[in-house]
Protein backbone atom coordinates (compact mmCIF):
# COMPACT_ATOMS: atom_id res chain seq x y z
CA MET A 1 -7.69 -36.17 -17.12
CA ASP A 2 -6.71 -38.84 -14.56
CA ASN A 3 -9.83 -39.70 -12.55
CA ARG A 4 -7.67 -41.56 -10.05
CA LEU A 5 -6.07 -38.28 -8.95
CA LEU A 6 -9.46 -36.77 -8.24
CA GLU A 7 -10.74 -39.87 -6.49
CA ASN A 8 -7.67 -40.17 -4.27
CA ASN A 9 -7.68 -36.47 -3.39
CA LEU A 10 -11.41 -36.44 -2.64
CA GLU A 11 -11.14 -39.60 -0.57
CA ILE A 12 -8.87 -37.81 1.89
CA ILE A 13 -11.07 -34.73 1.97
CA TYR A 14 -14.14 -36.90 2.56
CA LYS A 15 -12.46 -38.59 5.53
CA ARG A 16 -11.15 -35.40 7.10
CA TRP A 17 -13.52 -32.63 5.99
CA PRO A 18 -16.68 -34.31 4.65
CA GLU A 19 -18.65 -31.05 4.71
CA LEU A 20 -16.51 -29.73 1.84
CA VAL A 21 -17.07 -32.55 -0.62
CA SER A 22 -20.54 -31.55 -1.85
CA GLN A 23 -19.36 -27.96 -2.37
CA LEU A 24 -16.43 -29.12 -4.45
CA LYS A 25 -18.38 -31.64 -6.51
CA SER A 26 -20.90 -28.97 -7.48
CA ALA A 27 -18.19 -26.70 -8.91
CA ASP A 28 -18.19 -26.31 -12.70
CA ILE A 29 -14.63 -26.62 -14.00
CA THR A 30 -15.59 -26.19 -17.65
CA GLY A 31 -12.96 -24.16 -19.48
CA VAL A 32 -10.10 -24.93 -17.12
CA GLU A 33 -7.02 -26.01 -19.10
CA PHE A 34 -4.19 -28.31 -18.10
CA VAL A 35 -0.90 -26.92 -19.45
CA SER A 36 1.77 -29.52 -20.17
CA ASP A 37 3.98 -27.94 -22.85
CA THR A 38 6.01 -25.88 -20.36
CA PRO A 39 8.95 -26.73 -18.07
CA ASN A 40 6.51 -27.19 -15.19
CA PHE A 41 2.97 -28.41 -15.60
CA THR A 42 0.39 -25.83 -14.59
CA MET A 43 -3.27 -24.95 -14.97
CA LEU A 44 -4.99 -22.11 -16.80
CA VAL A 45 -8.21 -20.63 -15.38
CA ASP A 46 -9.85 -17.70 -17.15
CA GLY A 47 -6.53 -16.86 -18.78
CA LEU A 48 -4.52 -16.93 -15.54
CA HIS A 49 -1.79 -19.42 -14.68
CA ILE A 50 -2.54 -20.86 -11.25
CA GLY A 51 1.11 -21.73 -10.76
CA SER A 52 4.42 -20.94 -12.36
CA CYS A 53 5.07 -22.79 -15.60
CA PHE A 54 8.86 -22.46 -15.07
CA ASP A 55 9.67 -23.09 -11.41
CA ARG A 56 6.73 -23.82 -9.13
CA VAL A 57 8.87 -24.81 -6.16
CA ARG A 58 10.85 -21.59 -6.26
CA GLU A 59 7.60 -19.63 -6.51
CA ALA A 60 6.25 -21.40 -3.42
CA ALA A 61 9.52 -20.79 -1.55
CA LEU A 62 9.26 -17.09 -2.28
CA GLN A 63 5.69 -16.94 -1.04
CA ALA A 64 6.58 -18.84 2.12
CA GLY A 65 9.66 -16.76 2.84
CA CYS A 66 8.05 -14.88 5.72
CA ILE A 67 7.74 -17.99 7.91
CA HIS A 68 10.07 -17.80 10.92
CA GLN A 69 11.42 -20.41 13.32
CA ASP A 70 9.44 -19.02 16.26
CA MET A 71 6.09 -19.60 14.54
CA ARG A 72 4.02 -22.60 15.56
CA GLU A 73 0.91 -21.97 13.50
CA VAL A 74 0.45 -20.43 10.06
CA TRP A 75 -2.43 -19.68 7.71
CA VAL A 76 -2.16 -20.48 4.01
CA TYR A 77 -4.55 -18.51 1.80
CA GLY A 78 -5.05 -20.20 -1.55
CA VAL A 79 -4.25 -23.78 -2.53
CA GLY A 80 -3.18 -23.15 -6.10
CA LEU A 81 -1.60 -26.32 -7.43
CA GLY A 82 -0.70 -27.48 -3.94
CA ASP A 83 2.87 -26.22 -4.04
CA LEU A 84 2.47 -23.59 -1.32
CA PRO A 85 0.88 -25.80 1.37
CA ARG A 86 3.35 -28.53 0.43
CA PHE A 87 6.33 -26.19 0.85
CA VAL A 88 4.96 -24.89 4.14
CA LEU A 89 4.91 -28.49 5.39
CA SER A 90 8.70 -28.56 4.99
CA TYR A 91 8.93 -26.25 8.02
CA THR A 92 9.00 -29.01 10.60
CA HIS A 93 8.69 -26.61 13.56
CA LEU A 94 5.12 -25.73 12.52
CA GLU A 95 2.50 -27.51 14.59
CA ARG A 96 -0.63 -26.35 12.78
CA ILE A 97 -1.18 -25.29 9.17
CA ASN A 98 -4.56 -23.85 8.30
CA VAL A 99 -5.19 -23.96 4.55
CA CYS A 100 -7.98 -21.69 3.28
CA PHE A 101 -9.19 -21.94 -0.29
CA PHE A 102 -11.18 -19.25 -2.09
CA SER A 103 -12.75 -20.82 -5.16
CA GLU A 104 -14.38 -24.23 -5.22
CA ARG A 105 -13.89 -24.20 -8.97
CA VAL A 106 -10.14 -23.61 -8.81
CA LEU A 107 -9.63 -26.13 -6.03
CA MET A 108 -11.74 -28.78 -7.74
CA ALA A 109 -9.85 -28.37 -11.01
CA SER A 110 -6.56 -28.60 -9.13
CA LEU A 111 -7.74 -31.83 -7.48
CA VAL A 112 -8.52 -33.19 -10.95
CA PHE A 113 -5.13 -32.42 -12.50
CA PHE A 114 -2.65 -32.57 -9.59
CA ASP A 115 -1.76 -34.88 -6.72
CA HIS A 116 -2.49 -33.30 -3.33
CA LYS A 117 -2.47 -36.42 -1.17
CA ASP A 118 0.74 -35.60 0.70
CA TRP A 119 -0.31 -32.31 2.22
CA LEU A 120 -4.00 -33.22 2.54
CA SER A 121 -2.99 -36.24 4.63
CA ASP A 122 -0.67 -34.38 6.97
CA PRO A 123 -2.22 -34.28 10.50
CA ARG A 124 -1.01 -30.71 10.97
CA VAL A 125 -3.21 -29.48 8.13
CA SER A 126 -6.78 -28.22 8.34
CA LEU A 127 -8.74 -27.23 5.23
CA ARG A 128 -11.55 -24.69 5.05
CA ARG A 129 -13.11 -22.12 2.77
CA ALA A 130 -11.95 -18.54 3.34
CA SER A 131 -14.69 -16.19 4.50
CA ASN A 132 -15.02 -12.53 5.46
CA SER A 133 -16.56 -13.59 8.75
CA ASP A 134 -13.34 -15.32 9.80
CA GLY A 135 -11.24 -12.22 9.28
CA LEU A 136 -7.58 -12.23 8.29
CA ARG A 137 -5.54 -14.53 10.50
CA GLN A 138 -1.84 -14.13 11.06
CA PRO A 139 0.86 -15.11 10.42
CA PHE A 140 -0.09 -16.00 6.87
CA VAL A 141 1.24 -16.79 3.43
CA VAL A 142 -0.73 -16.46 0.23
CA SER A 143 -0.91 -17.69 -3.33
CA PRO A 144 -1.63 -14.30 -4.96
CA VAL A 145 -3.37 -15.58 -8.10
CA CYS A 146 -6.02 -17.28 -5.95
CA LEU A 147 -7.17 -13.83 -4.81
CA GLU A 148 -8.50 -13.30 -8.33
CA PHE A 149 -11.15 -15.99 -7.80
CA ILE A 150 -13.32 -14.92 -4.88
CA GLY A 151 -16.95 -15.28 -3.89
CA ASP A 152 -19.33 -12.61 -2.66
CA ASP A 153 -18.42 -13.33 0.95
CA GLN A 154 -14.67 -13.14 0.42
CA GLY A 155 -14.05 -9.63 -0.90
CA ARG A 156 -13.20 -8.19 2.48
CA ILE A 157 -10.65 -10.81 3.43
CA ARG A 158 -9.10 -10.51 -0.04
CA ASP A 159 -8.71 -6.77 0.49
CA GLU A 160 -7.30 -7.29 4.00
CA ILE A 161 -4.63 -9.58 2.57
CA LEU A 162 -3.68 -7.17 -0.21
CA LEU A 163 -3.61 -4.18 2.13
CA PHE A 164 -1.38 -6.07 4.53
CA LEU A 165 1.03 -6.92 1.71
CA GLU A 166 1.01 -3.39 0.28
CA THR A 167 1.43 -1.52 3.58
CA PRO A 168 5.22 -1.91 4.00
CA TYR A 169 5.81 -0.44 0.54
CA LEU A 170 3.41 2.44 1.16
CA LYS A 171 5.04 3.22 4.50
CA ALA A 172 8.51 3.15 2.94
CA ARG A 173 7.45 5.64 0.28
CA TYR A 174 5.89 7.88 2.93
CA ILE A 175 8.85 7.85 5.28
CA GLY A 176 11.39 8.32 2.49
CA ASN A 177 9.59 11.22 0.79
CA LYS A 178 12.14 14.02 0.44
CA GLU A 179 9.44 16.70 0.08
CA PHE A 180 7.97 15.66 3.42
CA GLN A 181 11.39 15.76 5.05
CA GLN A 182 11.90 19.30 3.75
CA GLN A 183 8.54 20.43 5.08
CA LEU A 184 9.50 19.18 8.53
CA ILE A 185 12.51 21.47 8.37
CA ASN A 186 10.56 24.39 6.90
CA ASN A 187 7.90 24.20 9.61
CA ASP A 188 10.34 24.24 12.50
CA VAL A 189 9.38 27.83 13.30
CA PHE A 190 5.73 26.87 13.76
CA LEU A 191 6.44 23.75 15.79
CA LYS A 192 8.34 25.83 18.32
CA THR A 193 5.54 28.30 19.00
CA ASP A 194 2.15 26.86 18.00
CA SER A 195 -0.30 25.65 20.65
CA LYS A 196 0.00 22.18 22.12
CA LEU A 197 -2.89 19.77 21.84
CA ASP A 198 -3.50 19.47 25.58
CA VAL A 199 -3.91 23.23 25.84
CA VAL A 200 -6.27 23.30 22.88
CA LEU A 201 -8.41 20.47 24.23
CA SER A 202 -8.83 22.18 27.58
CA LYS A 203 -10.61 25.09 25.88
CA ILE A 204 -13.30 22.94 24.24
CA ASN A 205 -16.32 21.85 26.27
CA GLN A 206 -18.85 20.55 23.74
CA LYS A 207 -19.98 16.96 24.26
CA VAL A 208 -21.28 16.46 20.71
CA ALA A 209 -19.19 16.68 17.56
CA TYR A 210 -19.90 16.61 13.85
CA VAL A 211 -16.86 15.32 11.97
CA VAL A 212 -17.28 16.47 8.40
CA GLY A 213 -15.68 14.59 5.51
CA ALA A 214 -15.87 15.54 1.84
CA GLY A 215 -17.73 12.55 0.41
CA PRO A 216 -20.72 12.98 -1.92
CA SER A 217 -23.25 12.57 0.90
CA LEU A 218 -22.06 15.84 2.44
CA ASP A 219 -24.42 17.53 -0.02
CA ASP A 220 -27.35 15.89 1.76
CA SER A 221 -26.25 17.10 5.21
CA ILE A 222 -25.60 20.77 4.54
CA GLN A 223 -28.97 21.94 5.86
CA GLU A 224 -28.54 19.97 9.08
CA LEU A 225 -25.10 21.47 9.59
CA ARG A 226 -26.51 24.95 9.08
CA GLU A 227 -28.98 24.42 11.91
CA ILE A 228 -26.43 23.23 14.46
CA ASP A 229 -26.17 25.20 17.70
CA ARG A 230 -22.45 25.95 17.63
CA ALA A 231 -22.37 26.43 21.39
CA GLN A 232 -23.62 22.88 21.91
CA ALA A 233 -21.95 20.97 19.09
CA LEU A 234 -18.41 21.05 17.74
CA ILE A 235 -17.88 21.09 13.97
CA ILE A 236 -14.59 19.48 12.95
CA ALA A 237 -13.95 19.61 9.21
CA VAL A 238 -11.36 17.82 7.13
CA ASP A 239 -9.48 20.12 4.79
CA ALA A 240 -11.29 19.00 1.63
CA ALA A 241 -14.66 19.88 3.18
CA LEU A 242 -13.62 23.47 3.89
CA LYS A 243 -14.70 24.98 0.57
CA PRO A 244 -18.20 23.46 0.42
CA LEU A 245 -18.83 24.37 4.06
CA LEU A 246 -17.75 28.00 3.75
CA SER A 247 -19.73 28.40 0.53
CA GLN A 248 -22.85 27.55 2.54
CA GLY A 249 -22.00 29.87 5.41
CA ILE A 250 -20.85 27.08 7.73
CA VAL A 251 -17.67 27.94 9.61
CA PRO A 252 -16.10 24.93 11.35
CA HIS A 253 -14.63 25.24 14.82
CA VAL A 254 -11.69 23.08 13.78
CA VAL A 255 -10.04 22.23 10.45
CA VAL A 256 -7.75 19.20 10.20
CA THR A 257 -5.11 18.82 7.50
CA ILE A 258 -2.38 16.17 7.25
CA ASP A 259 -1.41 15.81 3.58
CA GLY A 260 2.11 16.60 2.44
CA ASN A 261 0.98 17.26 -1.13
CA ALA A 262 1.50 21.02 -1.27
CA LYS A 263 -0.34 21.58 -4.54
CA LEU A 264 -3.43 19.68 -3.43
CA VAL A 265 -3.62 21.23 0.02
CA SER A 266 -3.10 24.75 -1.32
CA LYS A 267 -6.18 24.35 -3.52
CA MET A 268 -8.28 23.20 -0.58
CA PHE A 269 -7.28 26.29 1.42
CA ASP A 270 -7.93 28.70 -1.45
CA VAL A 271 -10.77 30.34 0.48
CA ASP A 272 -11.47 33.55 2.36
CA LEU A 273 -9.30 32.70 5.35
CA ALA A 274 -10.52 35.76 7.26
CA LEU A 275 -13.69 33.77 7.93
CA LEU A 276 -11.59 31.33 9.96
CA LYS A 277 -9.93 33.76 12.37
CA ASN A 278 -11.68 32.13 15.32
CA SER A 279 -11.15 28.58 14.08
CA LEU A 280 -8.40 26.16 15.04
CA LEU A 281 -6.08 24.51 12.52
CA VAL A 282 -4.81 21.07 13.52
CA TYR A 283 -2.04 19.96 11.19
CA PHE A 284 0.73 17.47 10.56
CA PRO A 285 4.22 19.03 10.32
CA ILE A 286 4.55 17.88 6.68
CA VAL A 287 1.76 20.22 5.51
CA ASP A 288 2.85 22.98 3.15
CA HIS A 289 4.61 25.81 4.99
CA ASP A 290 2.66 28.58 3.25
CA VAL A 291 -0.70 27.01 4.10
CA ILE A 292 0.19 26.97 7.78
CA LYS A 293 1.64 30.48 7.68
CA ARG A 294 -1.51 31.95 6.11
CA TRP A 295 -3.84 30.55 8.75
CA PRO A 296 -5.37 33.51 10.64
CA GLY A 297 -6.32 31.74 13.85
CA GLU A 298 -4.85 29.40 16.42
CA ARG A 299 -2.77 26.45 15.20
CA CYS A 300 -1.81 23.13 16.71
CA ALA A 301 0.63 20.55 15.35
CA VAL A 302 0.10 16.84 15.98
CA VAL A 303 1.73 13.68 14.66
CA SER A 304 0.85 10.08 13.98
CA HIS A 305 2.76 7.02 15.13
CA SER A 306 4.73 7.01 11.86
CA GLU A 307 8.51 6.92 11.92
CA LEU A 308 8.40 9.98 9.69
CA PHE A 309 7.76 12.11 12.77
CA ASP A 310 10.40 10.60 15.05
CA ALA A 311 12.65 13.63 14.63
CA VAL A 312 10.01 16.12 15.80
CA ARG A 313 7.71 14.15 18.13
CA ASP A 314 9.80 14.44 21.29
CA LYS A 315 11.71 17.53 20.27
CA TYR A 316 8.55 19.64 20.25
CA SER A 317 6.40 17.54 22.62
CA LEU A 318 3.86 16.80 19.91
CA ARG A 319 0.92 14.58 20.83
CA GLU A 320 0.12 11.55 18.73
CA ILE A 321 -3.26 11.26 17.09
CA PHE A 322 -4.90 8.33 15.32
CA ALA A 323 -4.21 8.44 11.60
CA SER A 324 -4.14 5.51 9.21
CA GLY A 325 -4.11 7.01 5.74
CA THR A 326 -7.03 9.44 5.75
CA VAL A 327 -7.54 12.85 7.35
CA PHE A 328 -10.92 11.67 8.59
CA HIS A 329 -9.21 9.47 11.20
CA PRO A 330 -7.46 12.28 13.14
CA ALA A 331 -10.61 14.40 12.88
CA VAL A 332 -12.55 11.63 14.63
CA ASP A 333 -9.82 11.07 17.20
CA LEU A 334 -9.78 14.77 17.96
CA ALA A 335 -13.50 14.65 18.77
CA VAL A 336 -12.90 11.72 21.11
CA LYS A 337 -9.90 13.34 22.77
CA VAL A 338 -12.01 16.45 23.40
CA GLY A 339 -14.32 14.24 25.44
CA CYS A 340 -17.31 14.17 23.13
CA GLU A 341 -19.89 11.56 24.06
CA LYS A 342 -21.59 11.55 20.67
CA VAL A 343 -19.78 11.88 17.34
CA TYR A 344 -21.59 12.21 14.02
CA PHE A 345 -19.84 11.20 10.80
CA VAL A 346 -20.84 13.49 7.94
CA GLY A 347 -19.71 12.91 4.35
CA ALA A 348 -17.78 9.80 5.38
CA ASP A 349 -18.76 7.67 2.39
CA MET A 350 -15.42 5.91 1.85
CA SER A 351 -16.73 4.94 -1.57
CA TYR A 352 -18.25 6.30 -4.78
CA PRO A 353 -21.99 5.72 -4.28
CA THR A 354 -23.09 8.30 -6.87
CA GLY A 355 -20.23 7.95 -9.34
CA VAL A 356 -18.57 11.23 -8.36
CA THR A 357 -15.57 11.47 -6.07
CA HIS A 358 -16.52 14.25 -3.66
CA ALA A 359 -19.21 16.67 -2.57
CA LEU A 360 -20.05 19.77 -4.59
CA GLY A 361 -17.46 22.52 -4.22
CA VAL A 362 -14.52 20.29 -3.27
CA SER A 363 -11.45 21.56 -5.14
CA HIS A 364 -10.47 18.17 -6.58
CA ARG A 365 -13.94 16.73 -7.17
CA GLU A 366 -14.18 14.58 -10.29
CA GLU A 367 -17.44 13.81 -12.02
CA GLN A 368 -16.17 10.37 -12.98
CA ALA A 369 -14.83 8.26 -10.14
CA PRO A 370 -11.49 6.53 -10.81
CA TYR A 371 -11.14 2.85 -11.48
CA THR A 372 -12.60 0.92 -8.56
CA ASN A 373 -10.98 -2.32 -7.47
CA ALA A 374 -13.07 -3.18 -4.44
CA PHE A 375 -16.52 -3.06 -2.88
CA LEU A 376 -17.81 -2.25 0.57
CA LYS A 377 -21.06 -3.05 2.27
CA SER A 378 -23.44 -0.11 1.84
CA VAL A 379 -25.54 1.54 4.54
CA ALA A 380 -28.38 1.37 2.02
CA GLY A 381 -28.00 -2.38 1.52
CA GLY A 382 -25.96 -4.20 -1.09
CA VAL A 383 -22.50 -2.89 -1.87
CA VAL A 384 -20.86 0.31 -3.08
CA PRO A 385 -17.86 0.56 -5.42
CA THR A 386 -14.67 1.79 -3.84
CA ILE A 387 -10.89 1.49 -3.94
CA ARG A 388 -8.70 -0.69 -1.77
CA SER A 389 -7.26 2.16 0.28
CA PHE A 390 -10.79 3.15 1.32
CA VAL A 391 -11.39 -0.41 2.48
CA GLY A 392 -8.37 -0.04 4.72
CA TYR A 393 -9.64 3.28 6.06
CA VAL A 394 -12.95 1.70 7.01
CA MET A 395 -11.33 -1.32 8.66
CA ASP A 396 -9.03 0.88 10.74
CA LEU A 397 -11.88 3.22 11.68
CA GLU A 398 -13.98 0.24 12.78
CA ALA A 399 -11.11 -1.01 14.92
CA TYR A 400 -10.81 2.44 16.46
CA ILE A 401 -14.53 2.61 17.20
CA ALA A 402 -14.35 -0.74 18.96
CA LEU A 403 -11.75 0.73 21.32
CA HIS A 404 -14.14 3.49 22.41
CA PRO A 405 -17.38 1.98 23.70
CA GLU A 406 -17.88 5.10 25.81
CA VAL A 407 -18.60 7.13 22.67
CA ARG A 408 -21.71 6.88 20.52
CA PHE A 409 -20.78 7.12 16.84
CA VAL A 410 -23.43 7.91 14.23
CA ASN A 411 -22.96 7.61 10.46
CA CYS A 412 -25.10 10.27 8.78
CA SER A 413 -24.48 8.99 5.25
CA ARG A 414 -27.39 7.13 3.69
CA ILE A 415 -25.55 6.18 0.52
CA GLY A 416 -21.96 5.43 1.50
CA ALA A 417 -20.12 2.56 3.11
CA TYR A 418 -21.41 0.82 6.18
CA ILE A 419 -19.13 1.42 9.17
CA GLU A 420 -19.33 -1.25 11.85
CA GLY A 421 -19.92 0.28 15.28
CA ALA A 422 -21.47 3.48 13.96
CA GLN A 423 -25.24 3.73 14.18
């Protein structure tokens, strides 16, 4: 260990960001290993290499590859061994470079073993600790391994970064799905004749809506749903909630389904459809043809903003509806488009608060929740285990809520994820 490296690095930090020094000095770097028997020196923390041991510069170049000439400011998440902020500095057109570290331990160890003076001294650079409260800032680059070392107040921003990076791949898989493309063709006959959304909305006059998801907390709301005055309140159910609702004698006014997985959707609609002859089906054109065909009541096709629907959106004058990965989104948007002033979220847990995946009676309920890779703030206090896609659903729902201050949203779950903007 070369104490001069640490002293020189800390001297710059003390001059420029003195509030960080005490945090860094209190970090315990016990167990961190300096690796020198590889082509490039690196550092090992909890079994993870913090930088490439073969070509650190090339690794940094790859991570910084999204920086364009028209950018003037960029955010760098994760210091690593200093290679990424250093490489970003080579873009001379950048006027401001905001470097955000996650772990005091990792940064302190890196300051001990590696020289960071060049980028720490650059007047374009600012250094701060990443925090959920700051939110994800763009444009950004990231040192991925640094996302493995986060504090309690950094889980959300870590998930935002990962979701942002994963989204292009998920969209590509969605748009290129051959089964979905075939369903668009198969459902041409319905798209020509089914009701349009504007017509459907004009028939609904309730000002209160209950949007029913299929999360575990639905079990706790069944009695309340039974007692609803159907003339005064609209019940909009996602497809997965259909079975548990009908089993309790609750017939929704509207059922929303958007999934192109024919096998899964068919199971959710394996019910006595005659009970739904007066109910409306709102669907995406990629839903299984037979499911749509069997529906006994009125039907209405809608689409999202996805490129997948470009071929049918204008051709059939289909209205767009908010959807960002979960059927709960369009169900909520439908309630808002109807003109409801108060919208209750039922069974919208977005997590696994009880260890099971769904409410009783849901066709694909599992008694053991899958591997969870994230946490969300709980309405009950503390956090609830979840998966990263659910984190994205919550973030997008919160953004949607913020766009509709005219509507009062109420989260009925007492065990699921906290949803900002919903009472």
